[in-house]
């Protein structure tokens, strides 16, 4: 992201999960089918390292097992993390299927430009950024 000056150590490494806190995304609860978010990055306030989806509601007939954690099949959502290359073109670097409640997605690379989420039609979620 041009114009952002972030210390090199924060660009190369993520803090451990225990040092991150959840910050609610505006608009909770979110219903799909498509959600696009630009993760906030503010060196003076907080850096964003990932996102967590917490189930608000799910359809009664959505398949799931009874083990711990409860895992849903088919997946509840598909998440994709987008970046801009040096030329300014969009690159999808990371794709993840969301199959259980409170499953975190930590960026593989820092400073994504966009996170897209495709929810199943019978799913409503609360979204939280993982920030320092």
N, C-alpha and C. Protein backbone atom coordinates (compact mmCIF):
# COMPACT_ATOMS: atom_id res chain seq x y z
N UNK A 1 0.85 -1.17 0.00
CA UNK A 1 0.00 0.00 0.00
C UNK A 1 0.89 1.23 0.00
N UNK A 2 0.81 2.02 -1.01
CA UNK A 2 1.64 3.22 -1.06
C UNK A 2 1.20 4.23 0.00
N UNK A 3 2.18 4.95 0.51
CA UNK A 3 1.88 5.98 1.48
C UNK A 3 1.85 5.53 2.92
N UNK A 4 2.02 4.25 3.19
CA UNK A 4 2.01 3.77 4.56
C UNK A 4 3.43 3.38 4.93
N UNK A 5 3.91 3.92 6.03
CA UNK A 5 5.24 3.59 6.52
C UNK A 5 5.11 2.75 7.78
N UNK A 6 5.39 1.47 7.65
CA UNK A 6 5.24 0.55 8.77
C UNK A 6 6.61 -0.03 9.11
N UNK A 7 6.95 -0.12 10.40
CA UNK A 7 8.25 -0.68 10.78
C UNK A 7 8.49 -2.04 10.12
N UNK A 8 9.72 -2.29 9.73
CA UNK A 8 10.07 -3.51 8.98
C UNK A 8 9.73 -4.78 9.75
N UNK A 9 9.90 -4.77 11.07
CA UNK A 9 9.62 -5.97 11.85
C UNK A 9 8.13 -6.33 11.78
N UNK A 10 7.25 -5.31 11.72
CA UNK A 10 5.82 -5.57 11.61
C UNK A 10 5.43 -6.05 10.21
N UNK A 11 6.24 -5.75 9.22
CA UNK A 11 5.97 -6.22 7.87
C UNK A 11 6.42 -7.66 7.67
N UNK A 12 7.43 -8.08 8.41
CA UNK A 12 8.01 -9.42 8.20
C UNK A 12 7.41 -10.49 9.11
N UNK A 13 6.91 -10.10 10.27
CA UNK A 13 6.41 -11.09 11.22
C UNK A 13 5.04 -10.68 11.76
N UNK A 14 4.26 -11.67 12.14
CA UNK A 14 3.00 -11.42 12.81
C UNK A 14 3.21 -11.66 14.30
N UNK A 15 2.52 -10.90 15.14
CA UNK A 15 2.57 -11.23 16.57
C UNK A 15 1.84 -12.54 16.81
N UNK A 16 2.07 -13.15 17.95
CA UNK A 16 1.36 -14.40 18.26
C UNK A 16 -0.12 -14.09 18.42
N UNK A 17 -0.95 -15.10 18.24
CA UNK A 17 -2.39 -14.93 18.30
C UNK A 17 -2.84 -14.38 19.65
N UNK A 18 -2.12 -14.74 20.71
CA UNK A 18 -2.47 -14.27 22.04
C UNK A 18 -2.29 -12.78 22.24
N UNK A 19 -1.52 -12.12 21.37
CA UNK A 19 -1.30 -10.67 21.48
C UNK A 19 -2.26 -9.86 20.64
N UNK A 20 -3.13 -10.53 19.89
CA UNK A 20 -4.09 -9.84 19.04
C UNK A 20 -5.43 -9.74 19.75
N UNK A 21 -6.14 -8.65 19.50
CA UNK A 21 -7.47 -8.50 20.08
C UNK A 21 -8.49 -8.37 18.96
N UNK A 22 -9.73 -8.75 19.27
CA UNK A 22 -10.81 -8.68 18.29
C UNK A 22 -11.44 -7.30 18.33
N UNK A 23 -11.63 -6.72 17.16
CA UNK A 23 -12.30 -5.43 17.01
C UNK A 23 -13.45 -5.64 16.03
N UNK A 24 -14.66 -5.36 16.48
CA UNK A 24 -15.84 -5.61 15.66
C UNK A 24 -15.84 -4.76 14.39
N UNK A 25 -16.23 -5.37 13.30
CA UNK A 25 -16.38 -4.68 12.02
C UNK A 25 -17.73 -3.98 12.02
N UNK A 26 -17.78 -2.77 11.55
CA UNK A 26 -19.05 -2.03 11.50
C UNK A 26 -20.07 -2.78 10.65
N UNK A 27 -21.29 -2.81 11.11
CA UNK A 27 -22.36 -3.44 10.35
C UNK A 27 -22.73 -4.83 10.81
N UNK A 28 -22.16 -5.32 11.92
CA UNK A 28 -22.52 -6.65 12.41
C UNK A 28 -23.98 -6.66 12.83
N UNK A 29 -24.71 -7.76 12.63
CA UNK A 29 -24.33 -8.97 11.91
C UNK A 29 -24.38 -8.76 10.39
N UNK A 30 -23.54 -9.48 9.68
CA UNK A 30 -23.44 -9.38 8.23
C UNK A 30 -24.07 -10.60 7.58
N UNK A 31 -24.88 -10.36 6.56
CA UNK A 31 -25.46 -11.43 5.77
C UNK A 31 -24.92 -11.31 4.36
N UNK A 32 -24.70 -12.42 3.73
CA UNK A 32 -24.09 -12.42 2.40
C UNK A 32 -25.08 -12.11 1.33
N UNK A 33 -24.87 -12.59 0.16
CA UNK A 33 -23.86 -13.62 -0.07
C UNK A 33 -22.45 -13.09 -0.25
N UNK A 34 -22.27 -11.78 -0.49
CA UNK A 34 -20.94 -11.27 -0.78
C UNK A 34 -20.63 -10.08 0.13
N UNK A 35 -19.45 -10.13 0.75
CA UNK A 35 -18.98 -9.03 1.60
C UNK A 35 -17.56 -8.70 1.16
N UNK A 36 -17.27 -7.42 0.97
CA UNK A 36 -15.91 -6.98 0.61
C UNK A 36 -15.48 -5.93 1.63
N UNK A 37 -14.32 -6.15 2.24
CA UNK A 37 -13.81 -5.25 3.27
C UNK A 37 -12.38 -4.84 2.96
N UNK A 38 -12.06 -3.58 3.19
CA UNK A 38 -10.68 -3.11 3.10
C UNK A 38 -10.15 -3.05 4.53
N UNK A 39 -9.26 -3.98 4.92
CA UNK A 39 -8.79 -4.02 6.30
C UNK A 39 -8.09 -2.72 6.70
N UNK A 40 -8.45 -2.16 7.86
CA UNK A 40 -7.81 -0.91 8.28
C UNK A 40 -6.36 -1.13 8.70
N UNK A 41 -5.50 -0.23 8.29
CA UNK A 41 -4.09 -0.27 8.71
C UNK A 41 -3.73 1.14 9.17
N UNK A 42 -3.45 1.28 10.45
CA UNK A 42 -3.09 2.57 11.00
C UNK A 42 -1.93 2.37 11.96
N UNK A 43 -0.77 2.83 11.58
CA UNK A 43 0.44 2.61 12.37
C UNK A 43 0.31 3.24 13.75
N UNK A 44 -0.39 4.35 13.86
CA UNK A 44 -0.52 5.05 15.13
C UNK A 44 -1.54 4.40 16.06
N UNK A 45 -2.52 3.69 15.51
CA UNK A 45 -3.57 3.11 16.33
C UNK A 45 -3.42 1.60 16.44
N UNK A 46 -3.54 0.90 15.32
CA UNK A 46 -3.47 -0.56 15.34
C UNK A 46 -3.22 -1.09 13.94
N UNK A 47 -2.50 -2.20 13.87
CA UNK A 47 -2.30 -2.91 12.61
C UNK A 47 -3.25 -4.11 12.59
N UNK A 48 -3.78 -4.43 11.41
CA UNK A 48 -4.71 -5.54 11.27
C UNK A 48 -3.96 -6.73 10.68
N UNK A 49 -4.08 -7.89 11.35
CA UNK A 49 -3.35 -9.09 10.94
C UNK A 49 -4.25 -10.23 10.48
N UNK A 50 -5.56 -10.07 10.61
CA UNK A 50 -6.46 -11.14 10.21
C UNK A 50 -7.90 -10.80 10.49
N UNK A 51 -8.75 -11.80 10.32
CA UNK A 51 -10.19 -11.62 10.53
C UNK A 51 -10.75 -12.90 11.14
N UNK A 52 -11.80 -12.74 11.95
CA UNK A 52 -12.49 -13.88 12.56
C UNK A 52 -13.97 -13.76 12.21
N UNK A 53 -14.57 -14.87 11.82
CA UNK A 53 -16.00 -14.91 11.55
C UNK A 53 -16.66 -15.69 12.67
N UNK A 54 -17.63 -15.08 13.33
CA UNK A 54 -18.35 -15.71 14.43
C UNK A 54 -19.79 -15.91 13.98
N UNK A 55 -20.32 -17.11 14.13
CA UNK A 55 -21.68 -17.42 13.68
C UNK A 55 -22.69 -16.58 14.45
N UNK A 56 -23.54 -15.90 13.71
CA UNK A 56 -24.68 -15.21 14.30
C UNK A 56 -25.91 -16.11 14.16
N UNK A 57 -26.09 -16.67 12.97
CA UNK A 57 -27.14 -17.67 12.76
C UNK A 57 -26.77 -18.51 11.55
N UNK A 58 -27.25 -19.75 11.57
CA UNK A 58 -27.02 -20.66 10.45
C UNK A 58 -28.29 -21.49 10.25
N UNK A 59 -28.59 -21.81 9.01
CA UNK A 59 -29.81 -22.55 8.70
C UNK A 59 -29.89 -23.88 9.42
N UNK A 60 -31.11 -24.28 9.78
CA UNK A 60 -31.32 -25.51 10.56
C UNK A 60 -30.86 -26.76 9.83
N UNK A 61 -30.90 -26.75 8.51
CA UNK A 61 -30.56 -27.95 7.77
C UNK A 61 -29.17 -27.90 7.15
N UNK A 62 -28.34 -26.94 7.59
CA UNK A 62 -26.96 -26.89 7.10
C UNK A 62 -26.19 -28.03 7.76
N UNK A 63 -25.54 -28.90 6.96
CA UNK A 63 -24.88 -30.08 7.50
C UNK A 63 -23.78 -29.77 8.49
N UNK A 64 -23.69 -30.56 9.56
CA UNK A 64 -22.64 -30.38 10.56
C UNK A 64 -22.40 -31.69 11.30
N UNK A 65 -21.20 -31.80 11.87
CA UNK A 65 -20.93 -32.95 12.73
C UNK A 65 -21.14 -32.51 14.18
N UNK A 66 -21.08 -33.45 15.09
CA UNK A 66 -21.34 -33.13 16.50
C UNK A 66 -20.07 -33.17 17.34
N UNK A 67 -18.93 -33.24 16.70
CA UNK A 67 -17.65 -33.27 17.41
C UNK A 67 -17.30 -31.85 17.86
N UNK A 68 -16.20 -31.73 18.57
CA UNK A 68 -15.74 -30.40 18.97
C UNK A 68 -14.47 -30.07 18.24
N UNK A 69 -14.33 -28.94 17.56
CA UNK A 69 -15.39 -27.96 17.35
C UNK A 69 -16.40 -28.45 16.32
N UNK A 70 -17.61 -27.93 16.40
CA UNK A 70 -18.64 -28.29 15.43
C UNK A 70 -18.19 -27.82 14.06
N UNK A 71 -18.12 -28.77 13.12
CA UNK A 71 -17.65 -28.45 11.77
C UNK A 71 -18.81 -28.58 10.80
N UNK A 72 -18.92 -27.61 9.91
CA UNK A 72 -20.03 -27.56 8.95
C UNK A 72 -19.57 -28.05 7.59
N UNK A 73 -20.47 -28.81 6.92
CA UNK A 73 -20.20 -29.30 5.58
C UNK A 73 -21.50 -29.26 4.81
N UNK A 74 -21.65 -28.46 3.80
CA UNK A 74 -20.63 -27.70 3.09
C UNK A 74 -20.13 -26.51 3.91
N UNK A 75 -18.97 -25.96 3.54
CA UNK A 75 -18.41 -24.82 4.28
C UNK A 75 -19.39 -23.65 4.36
N UNK A 76 -19.28 -22.88 5.43
CA UNK A 76 -20.16 -21.74 5.64
C UNK A 76 -19.79 -20.56 4.74
N UNK A 77 -18.49 -20.46 4.42
CA UNK A 77 -18.04 -19.31 3.62
C UNK A 77 -16.71 -19.62 2.96
N UNK A 78 -16.40 -18.82 1.94
CA UNK A 78 -15.08 -18.85 1.32
C UNK A 78 -14.50 -17.44 1.44
N UNK A 79 -13.28 -17.35 1.97
CA UNK A 79 -12.62 -16.08 2.17
C UNK A 79 -11.44 -15.98 1.22
N UNK A 80 -11.22 -14.81 0.65
CA UNK A 80 -10.08 -14.56 -0.22
C UNK A 80 -9.42 -13.26 0.20
N UNK A 81 -8.09 -13.28 0.25
CA UNK A 81 -7.32 -12.10 0.64
C UNK A 81 -6.64 -11.56 -0.62
N UNK A 82 -6.90 -10.30 -0.93
CA UNK A 82 -6.39 -9.65 -2.13
C UNK A 82 -5.24 -8.70 -1.79
N UNK A 83 -4.31 -8.60 -2.70
CA UNK A 83 -3.18 -7.68 -2.58
C UNK A 83 -3.03 -6.94 -3.90
N UNK A 84 -2.33 -5.83 -3.87
CA UNK A 84 -1.96 -5.12 -5.09
C UNK A 84 -0.48 -5.36 -5.34
N UNK A 85 -0.13 -5.76 -6.57
CA UNK A 85 1.29 -5.91 -6.90
C UNK A 85 1.88 -4.53 -7.19
N UNK A 86 3.15 -4.49 -7.51
CA UNK A 86 3.85 -3.22 -7.72
C UNK A 86 3.24 -2.41 -8.87
N UNK A 87 2.64 -3.10 -9.82
CA UNK A 87 2.01 -2.43 -10.96
C UNK A 87 0.60 -1.94 -10.64
N UNK A 88 0.08 -2.32 -9.47
CA UNK A 88 -1.26 -1.89 -9.07
C UNK A 88 -2.35 -2.88 -9.42
N UNK A 89 -1.98 -4.06 -9.93
CA UNK A 89 -2.98 -5.06 -10.28
C UNK A 89 -3.37 -5.89 -9.07
N UNK A 90 -4.63 -6.34 -9.04
CA UNK A 90 -5.14 -7.15 -7.95
C UNK A 90 -4.62 -8.58 -8.07
N UNK A 91 -4.13 -9.11 -6.95
CA UNK A 91 -3.64 -10.49 -6.88
C UNK A 91 -4.31 -11.16 -5.70
N UNK A 92 -4.91 -12.33 -5.92
CA UNK A 92 -5.48 -13.09 -4.81
C UNK A 92 -4.41 -14.04 -4.31
N UNK A 93 -3.96 -13.80 -3.09
CA UNK A 93 -2.83 -14.53 -2.53
C UNK A 93 -3.28 -15.71 -1.67
N UNK A 94 -4.43 -15.61 -1.06
CA UNK A 94 -4.81 -16.58 -0.05
C UNK A 94 -6.31 -16.84 -0.13
N UNK A 95 -6.70 -18.10 -0.18
CA UNK A 95 -8.11 -18.48 -0.20
C UNK A 95 -8.32 -19.53 0.89
N UNK A 96 -9.40 -19.37 1.66
CA UNK A 96 -9.65 -20.27 2.78
C UNK A 96 -11.14 -20.59 2.86
N UNK A 97 -11.47 -21.83 3.20
CA UNK A 97 -12.85 -22.23 3.43
C UNK A 97 -13.13 -22.13 4.93
N UNK A 98 -14.25 -21.53 5.29
CA UNK A 98 -14.62 -21.36 6.69
C UNK A 98 -15.59 -22.46 7.05
N UNK A 99 -15.17 -23.38 7.92
CA UNK A 99 -15.96 -24.56 8.23
C UNK A 99 -16.38 -24.66 9.69
N UNK A 100 -15.81 -23.86 10.59
CA UNK A 100 -16.25 -23.93 11.99
C UNK A 100 -16.26 -22.54 12.62
N UNK A 101 -17.00 -22.42 13.71
CA UNK A 101 -17.22 -21.13 14.36
C UNK A 101 -15.93 -20.56 14.94
N UNK A 102 -15.78 -19.25 14.81
CA UNK A 102 -14.64 -18.50 15.36
C UNK A 102 -13.30 -18.91 14.74
N UNK A 103 -13.34 -19.42 13.53
CA UNK A 103 -12.11 -19.80 12.83
C UNK A 103 -11.39 -18.54 12.36
N UNK A 104 -10.14 -18.32 12.83
CA UNK A 104 -9.43 -17.12 12.40
C UNK A 104 -8.77 -17.30 11.03
N UNK A 105 -8.62 -16.21 10.34
CA UNK A 105 -7.84 -16.18 9.11
C UNK A 105 -6.76 -15.13 9.31
N UNK A 106 -5.53 -15.57 9.45
CA UNK A 106 -4.39 -14.67 9.61
C UNK A 106 -3.76 -14.49 8.23
N UNK A 107 -3.49 -13.24 7.85
CA UNK A 107 -2.91 -13.00 6.54
C UNK A 107 -1.57 -13.72 6.41
N UNK A 108 -1.32 -14.33 5.25
CA UNK A 108 0.00 -14.90 4.95
C UNK A 108 1.02 -13.80 4.72
N UNK A 109 0.57 -12.72 4.12
CA UNK A 109 1.40 -11.55 3.84
C UNK A 109 0.75 -10.33 4.49
N UNK A 110 1.53 -9.38 4.98
CA UNK A 110 0.92 -8.19 5.59
C UNK A 110 0.33 -7.25 4.55
N UNK A 111 -0.52 -6.36 5.03
CA UNK A 111 -1.08 -5.25 4.25
C UNK A 111 -1.92 -5.67 3.04
N UNK A 112 -2.96 -6.48 3.25
CA UNK A 112 -3.85 -6.78 2.12
C UNK A 112 -4.65 -5.55 1.73
N UNK A 113 -5.05 -5.50 0.47
CA UNK A 113 -5.86 -4.37 0.01
C UNK A 113 -7.35 -4.64 0.18
N UNK A 114 -7.75 -5.92 0.20
CA UNK A 114 -9.16 -6.26 0.25
C UNK A 114 -9.33 -7.68 0.77
N UNK A 115 -10.42 -7.92 1.49
CA UNK A 115 -10.82 -9.26 1.90
C UNK A 115 -12.23 -9.46 1.38
N UNK A 116 -12.44 -10.54 0.61
CA UNK A 116 -13.78 -10.85 0.11
C UNK A 116 -14.28 -12.11 0.78
N UNK A 117 -15.56 -12.11 1.11
CA UNK A 117 -16.18 -13.22 1.81
C UNK A 117 -17.45 -13.59 1.06
N UNK A 118 -17.57 -14.85 0.68
CA UNK A 118 -18.77 -15.37 0.05
C UNK A 118 -19.46 -16.28 1.06
N UNK A 119 -20.60 -15.85 1.58
CA UNK A 119 -21.33 -16.63 2.59
C UNK A 119 -22.37 -17.52 1.94
N UNK A 120 -22.63 -18.68 2.58
CA UNK A 120 -23.76 -19.49 2.16
C UNK A 120 -25.03 -18.70 2.40
N UNK A 121 -26.07 -18.93 1.62
CA UNK A 121 -27.30 -18.14 1.75
C UNK A 121 -27.96 -18.21 3.12
N UNK A 122 -27.76 -19.30 3.86
CA UNK A 122 -28.43 -19.46 5.15
C UNK A 122 -27.55 -19.07 6.34
N UNK A 123 -26.50 -18.30 6.11
CA UNK A 123 -25.54 -17.96 7.16
C UNK A 123 -25.50 -16.45 7.39
N UNK A 124 -25.50 -16.06 8.66
CA UNK A 124 -25.28 -14.68 9.08
C UNK A 124 -24.14 -14.69 10.08
N UNK A 125 -23.20 -13.77 9.94
CA UNK A 125 -22.00 -13.80 10.78
C UNK A 125 -21.73 -12.42 11.41
N UNK A 126 -20.98 -12.46 12.50
CA UNK A 126 -20.38 -11.27 13.08
C UNK A 126 -18.90 -11.32 12.71
N UNK A 127 -18.36 -10.22 12.21
CA UNK A 127 -16.98 -10.15 11.76
C UNK A 127 -16.14 -9.35 12.75
N UNK A 128 -14.92 -9.82 12.97
CA UNK A 128 -13.98 -9.13 13.86
C UNK A 128 -12.61 -9.09 13.21
N UNK A 129 -11.97 -7.91 13.21
CA UNK A 129 -10.58 -7.81 12.79
C UNK A 129 -9.69 -8.25 13.94
N UNK A 130 -8.57 -8.88 13.64
CA UNK A 130 -7.55 -9.20 14.63
C UNK A 130 -6.50 -8.12 14.56
N UNK A 131 -6.39 -7.31 15.62
CA UNK A 131 -5.49 -6.16 15.61
C UNK A 131 -4.60 -6.14 16.85
N UNK A 132 -3.50 -5.42 16.73
CA UNK A 132 -2.61 -5.22 17.88
C UNK A 132 -3.13 -4.08 18.72
